[in-house]
Amino acid sequence: MNKVVLIILALFLPPIGVFLKNGIGKDLLINIVLCFFFWIPGVIHAVWLVTK
């Protein structure tokens, strides 16, 4: 998938961006938990994983 599209998804829907990049796993679970507690850490985590 195009990296620009993944970054945009990571900014607006972080778990979707992580899922499309890494699939179901511990990274997705961590991102969902971060998004439930605070939105910004979830976004940072998703952008970091997508650009890695």
PDB file of N, CA and C in Angstrom:
ATOM      1  N   MET A   1       0.854  -1.185   0.000  1.00  0.00           N
ATOM      2  CA  MET A   1       0.000   0.000   0.000  1.00  0.00           C
ATOM      3  C   MET A   1       0.895   1.242   0.000  1.00  0.00           C
ATOM      4  N   ASN A   2       0.410   2.312  -0.571  1.00  0.00           N
ATOM      5  CA  ASN A   2       1.158   3.547  -0.669  1.00  0.00           C
ATOM      6  C   ASN A   2       1.448   4.114   0.728  1.00  0.00           C
ATOM      7  N   LYS A   3       2.685   4.520   0.964  1.00  0.00           N
ATOM      8  CA  LYS A   3       3.091   5.003   2.281  1.00  0.00           C
ATOM      9  C   LYS A   3       2.364   6.285   2.669  1.00  0.00           C
ATOM     10  N   VAL A   4       2.060   7.143   1.709  1.00  0.00           N
ATOM     11  CA  VAL A   4       1.343   8.385   2.006  1.00  0.00           C
ATOM     12  C   VAL A   4      -0.061   8.076   2.519  1.00  0.00           C
ATOM     13  N   VAL A   5      -0.724   7.112   1.914  1.00  0.00           N
ATOM     14  CA  VAL A   5      -2.062   6.718   2.354  1.00  0.00           C
ATOM     15  C   VAL A   5      -2.000   6.143   3.769  1.00  0.00           C
ATOM     16  N   LEU A   6      -0.980   5.331   4.053  1.00  0.00           N
ATOM     17  CA  LEU A   6      -0.828   4.764   5.393  1.00  0.00           C
ATOM     18  C   LEU A   6      -0.575   5.844   6.439  1.00  0.00           C
ATOM     19  N   ILE A   7       0.191   6.856   6.106  1.00  0.00           N
ATOM     20  CA  ILE A   7       0.458   7.942   7.052  1.00  0.00           C
ATOM     21  C   ILE A   7      -0.821   8.730   7.314  1.00  0.00           C
ATOM     22  N   ILE A   8      -1.603   8.996   6.282  1.00  0.00           N
ATOM     23  CA  ILE A   8      -2.868   9.717   6.468  1.00  0.00           C
ATOM     24  C   ILE A   8      -3.818   8.893   7.338  1.00  0.00           C
ATOM     25  N   LEU A   9      -3.903   7.601   7.099  1.00  0.00           N
ATOM     26  CA  LEU A   9      -4.735   6.739   7.941  1.00  0.00           C
ATOM     27  C   LEU A   9      -4.223   6.714   9.377  1.00  0.00           C
ATOM     28  N   ALA A  10      -2.901   6.716   9.548  1.00  0.00           N
ATOM     29  CA  ALA A  10      -2.324   6.697  10.888  1.00  0.00           C
ATOM     30  C   ALA A  10      -2.644   7.979  11.643  1.00  0.00           C
ATOM     31  N   LEU A  11      -2.801   9.069  10.942  1.00  0.00           N
ATOM     32  CA  LEU A  11      -3.128  10.335  11.599  1.00  0.00           C
ATOM     33  C   LEU A  11      -4.595  10.403  12.025  1.00  0.00           C
ATOM     34  N   PHE A  12      -5.493   9.875  11.199  1.00  0.00           N
ATOM     35  CA  PHE A  12      -6.915  10.000  11.489  1.00  0.00           C
ATOM     36  C   PHE A  12      -7.521   8.754  12.137  1.00  0.00           C
ATOM     37  N   LEU A  13      -7.079   7.572  11.736  1.00  0.00           N
ATOM     38  CA  LEU A  13      -7.564   6.304  12.290  1.00  0.00           C
ATOM     39  C   LEU A  13      -6.356   5.416  12.593  1.00  0.00           C
ATOM     40  N   PRO A  14      -5.654   5.689  13.687  1.00  0.00           N
ATOM     41  CA  PRO A  14      -4.401   4.982  13.957  1.00  0.00           C
ATOM     42  C   PRO A  14      -4.481   3.451  13.938  1.00  0.00           C
ATOM     43  N   PRO A  15      -5.489   2.823  14.554  1.00  0.00           N
ATOM     44  CA  PRO A  15      -5.503   1.352  14.510  1.00  0.00           C
ATOM     45  C   PRO A  15      -5.631   0.780  13.094  1.00  0.00           C
ATOM     46  N   ILE A  16      -6.346   1.487  12.224  1.00  0.00           N
ATOM     47  CA  ILE A  16      -6.490   1.004  10.839  1.00  0.00           C
ATOM     48  C   ILE A  16      -5.141   1.052  10.119  1.00  0.00           C
ATOM     49  N   GLY A  17      -4.398   2.136  10.323  1.00  0.00           N
ATOM     50  CA  GLY A  17      -3.076   2.240   9.707  1.00  0.00           C
ATOM     51  C   GLY A  17      -2.128   1.160  10.194  1.00  0.00           C
ATOM     52  N   VAL A  18      -2.158   0.877  11.484  1.00  0.00           N
ATOM     53  CA  VAL A  18      -1.297  -0.170  12.050  1.00  0.00           C
ATOM     54  C   VAL A  18      -1.727  -1.539  11.527  1.00  0.00           C
ATOM     55  N   PHE A  19      -3.030  -1.776  11.453  1.00  0.00           N
ATOM     56  CA  PHE A  19      -3.530  -3.054  10.948  1.00  0.00           C
ATOM     57  C   PHE A  19      -3.097  -3.283   9.507  1.00  0.00           C
ATOM     58  N   LEU A  20      -3.214  -2.269   8.662  1.00  0.00           N
ATOM     59  CA  LEU A  20      -2.848  -2.434   7.256  1.00  0.00           C
ATOM     60  C   LEU A  20      -1.349  -2.632   7.077  1.00  0.00           C
ATOM     61  N   LYS A  21      -0.553  -2.066   7.962  1.00  0.00           N
ATOM     62  CA  LYS A  21       0.904  -2.208   7.860  1.00  0.00           C
ATOM     63  C   LYS A  21       1.396  -3.522   8.463  1.00  0.00           C
ATOM     64  N   ASN A  22       0.936  -3.861   9.684  1.00  0.00           N
ATOM     65  CA  ASN A  22       1.490  -5.002  10.415  1.00  0.00           C
ATOM     66  C   ASN A  22       0.522  -6.161  10.607  1.00  0.00           C
ATOM     67  N   GLY A  23      -0.748  -5.976  10.326  1.00  0.00           N
ATOM     68  CA  GLY A  23      -1.719  -7.037  10.553  1.00  0.00           C
ATOM     69  C   GLY A  23      -2.107  -7.123  12.020  1.00  0.00           C
ATOM     70  N   ILE A  24      -2.747  -8.230  12.369  1.00  0.00           N
ATOM     71  CA  ILE A  24      -3.183  -8.428  13.746  1.00  0.00           C
ATOM     72  C   ILE A  24      -1.996  -8.946  14.547  1.00  0.00           C
ATOM     73  N   GLY A  25      -1.755  -8.284  15.678  1.00  0.00           N
ATOM     74  CA  GLY A  25      -0.637  -8.690  16.524  1.00  0.00           C
ATOM     75  C   GLY A  25      -0.511  -7.760  17.709  1.00  0.00           C
ATOM     76  N   LYS A  26       0.642  -7.831  18.353  1.00  0.00           N
ATOM     77  CA  LYS A  26       0.835  -7.031  19.558  1.00  0.00           C
ATOM     78  C   LYS A  26       0.877  -5.534  19.260  1.00  0.00           C
ATOM     79  N   ASP A  27       1.389  -5.147  18.094  1.00  0.00           N
ATOM     80  CA  ASP A  27       1.434  -3.726  17.749  1.00  0.00           C
ATOM     81  C   ASP A  27       0.031  -3.145  17.629  1.00  0.00           C
ATOM     82  N   LEU A  28      -0.881  -3.901  17.047  1.00  0.00           N
ATOM     83  CA  LEU A  28      -2.262  -3.442  16.921  1.00  0.00           C
ATOM     84  C   LEU A  28      -2.918  -3.326  18.289  1.00  0.00           C
ATOM     85  N   LEU A  29      -2.696  -4.290  19.154  1.00  0.00           N
ATOM     86  CA  LEU A  29      -3.265  -4.257  20.497  1.00  0.00           C
ATOM     87  C   LEU A  29      -2.738  -3.063  21.290  1.00  0.00           C
ATOM     88  N   ILE A  30      -1.444  -2.812  21.219  1.00  0.00           N
ATOM     89  CA  ILE A  30      -0.842  -1.661  21.903  1.00  0.00           C
ATOM     90  C   ILE A  30      -1.451  -0.368  21.385  1.00  0.00           C
ATOM     91  N   ASN A  31      -1.623  -0.277  20.079  1.00  0.00           N
ATOM     92  CA  ASN A  31      -2.174   0.938  19.503  1.00  0.00           C
ATOM     93  C   ASN A  31      -3.618   1.161  19.906  1.00  0.00           C
ATOM     94  N   ILE A  32      -4.404   0.117  19.966  1.00  0.00           N
ATOM     95  CA  ILE A  32      -5.805   0.254  20.389  1.00  0.00           C
ATOM     96  C   ILE A  32      -5.879   0.737  21.825  1.00  0.00           C
ATOM     97  N   VAL A  33      -5.039   0.178  22.696  1.00  0.00           N
ATOM     98  CA  VAL A  33      -5.024   0.603  24.099  1.00  0.00           C
ATOM     99  C   VAL A  33      -4.598   2.064  24.205  1.00  0.00           C
ATOM    100  N   LEU A  34      -3.582   2.461  23.462  1.00  0.00           N
ATOM    101  CA  LEU A  34      -3.143   3.861  23.487  1.00  0.00           C
ATOM    102  C   LEU A  34      -4.239   4.795  22.986  1.00  0.00           C
ATOM    103  N   CYS A  35      -4.979   4.380  21.985  1.00  0.00           N
ATOM    104  CA  CYS A  35      -6.058   5.222  21.451  1.00  0.00           C
ATOM    105  C   CYS A  35      -7.228   5.330  22.418  1.00  0.00           C
ATOM    106  N   PHE A  36      -7.497   4.282  23.188  1.00  0.00           N
ATOM    107  CA  PHE A  36      -8.580   4.351  24.166  1.00  0.00           C
ATOM    108  C   PHE A  36      -8.259   5.314  25.288  1.00  0.00           C
ATOM    109  N   PHE A  37      -7.017   5.290  25.763  1.00  0.00           N
ATOM    110  CA  PHE A  37      -6.645   6.149  26.879  1.00  0.00           C
ATOM    111  C   PHE A  37      -6.389   7.587  26.425  1.00  0.00           C
ATOM    112  N   PHE A  38      -5.562   7.737  25.424  1.00  0.00           N
ATOM    113  CA  PHE A  38      -5.221   9.065  24.895  1.00  0.00           C
ATOM    114  C   PHE A  38      -5.076   8.930  23.389  1.00  0.00           C
ATOM    115  N   TRP A  39      -5.609   9.897  22.653  1.00  0.00           N
ATOM    116  CA  TRP A  39      -5.576   9.819  21.194  1.00  0.00           C
ATOM    117  C   TRP A  39      -4.180  10.090  20.637  1.00  0.00           C
ATOM    118  N   ILE A  40      -3.502  11.107  21.149  1.00  0.00           N
ATOM    119  CA  ILE A  40      -2.212  11.534  20.595  1.00  0.00           C
ATOM    120  C   ILE A  40      -1.142  10.440  20.685  1.00  0.00           C
ATOM    121  N   PRO A  41      -0.967   9.742  21.821  1.00  0.00           N
ATOM    122  CA  PRO A  41       0.027   8.652  21.823  1.00  0.00           C
ATOM    123  C   PRO A  41      -0.291   7.553  20.808  1.00  0.00           C
ATOM    124  N   GLY A  42      -1.568   7.305  20.582  1.00  0.00           N
ATOM    125  CA  GLY A  42      -1.945   6.324  19.564  1.00  0.00           C
ATOM    126  C   GLY A  42      -1.545   6.769  18.173  1.00  0.00           C
ATOM    127  N   VAL A  43      -1.707   8.049  17.903  1.00  0.00           N
ATOM    128  CA  VAL A  43      -1.311   8.604  16.600  1.00  0.00           C
ATOM    129  C   VAL A  43       0.211   8.541  16.440  1.00  0.00           C
ATOM    130  N   ILE A  44       0.933   8.927  17.472  1.00  0.00           N
ATOM    131  CA  ILE A  44       2.401   8.895  17.414  1.00  0.00           C
ATOM    132  C   ILE A  44       2.893   7.468  17.194  1.00  0.00           C
ATOM    133  N   HIS A  45       2.329   6.533  17.923  1.00  0.00           N
ATOM    134  CA  HIS A  45       2.716   5.126  17.779  1.00  0.00           C
ATOM    135  C   HIS A  45       2.414   4.621  16.367  1.00  0.00           C
ATOM    136  N   ALA A  46       1.265   4.971  15.833  1.00  0.00           N
ATOM    137  CA  ALA A  46       0.882   4.510  14.494  1.00  0.00           C
ATOM    138  C   ALA A  46       1.786   5.115  13.419  1.00  0.00           C
ATOM    139  N   VAL A  47       2.068   6.400  13.519  1.00  0.00           N
ATOM    140  CA  VAL A  47       2.945   7.034  12.521  1.00  0.00           C
ATOM    141  C   VAL A  47       4.340   6.437  12.604  1.00  0.00           C
ATOM    142  N   TRP A  48       4.805   6.172  13.805  1.00  0.00           N
ATOM    143  CA  TRP A  48       6.131   5.572  13.986  1.00  0.00           C
ATOM    144  C   TRP A  48       6.183   4.193  13.336  1.00  0.00           C
ATOM    145  N   LEU A  49       5.149   3.387  13.541  1.00  0.00           N
ATOM    146  CA  LEU A  49       5.142   2.042  12.957  1.00  0.00           C
ATOM    147  C   LEU A  49       5.008   2.080  11.433  1.00  0.00           C
ATOM    148  N   VAL A  50       4.210   2.991  10.930  1.00  0.00           N
ATOM    149  CA  VAL A  50       3.999   3.068   9.485  1.00  0.00           C
ATOM    150  C   VAL A  50       5.258   3.543   8.775  1.00  0.00           C
ATOM    151  N   THR A  51       5.983   4.481   9.353  1.00  0.00           N
ATOM    152  CA  THR A  51       7.180   4.997   8.684  1.00  0.00           C
ATOM    153  C   THR A  51       8.423   4.167   8.957  1.00  0.00           C
ATOM    154  N   LYS A  52       8.329   3.221   9.856  1.00  0.00           N
ATOM    155  CA  LYS A  52       9.480   2.377  10.203  1.00  0.00           C
ATOM    156  C   LYS A  52       9.821   1.434   9.098  1.00  0.00           C
TER     157      LYS A  52
END
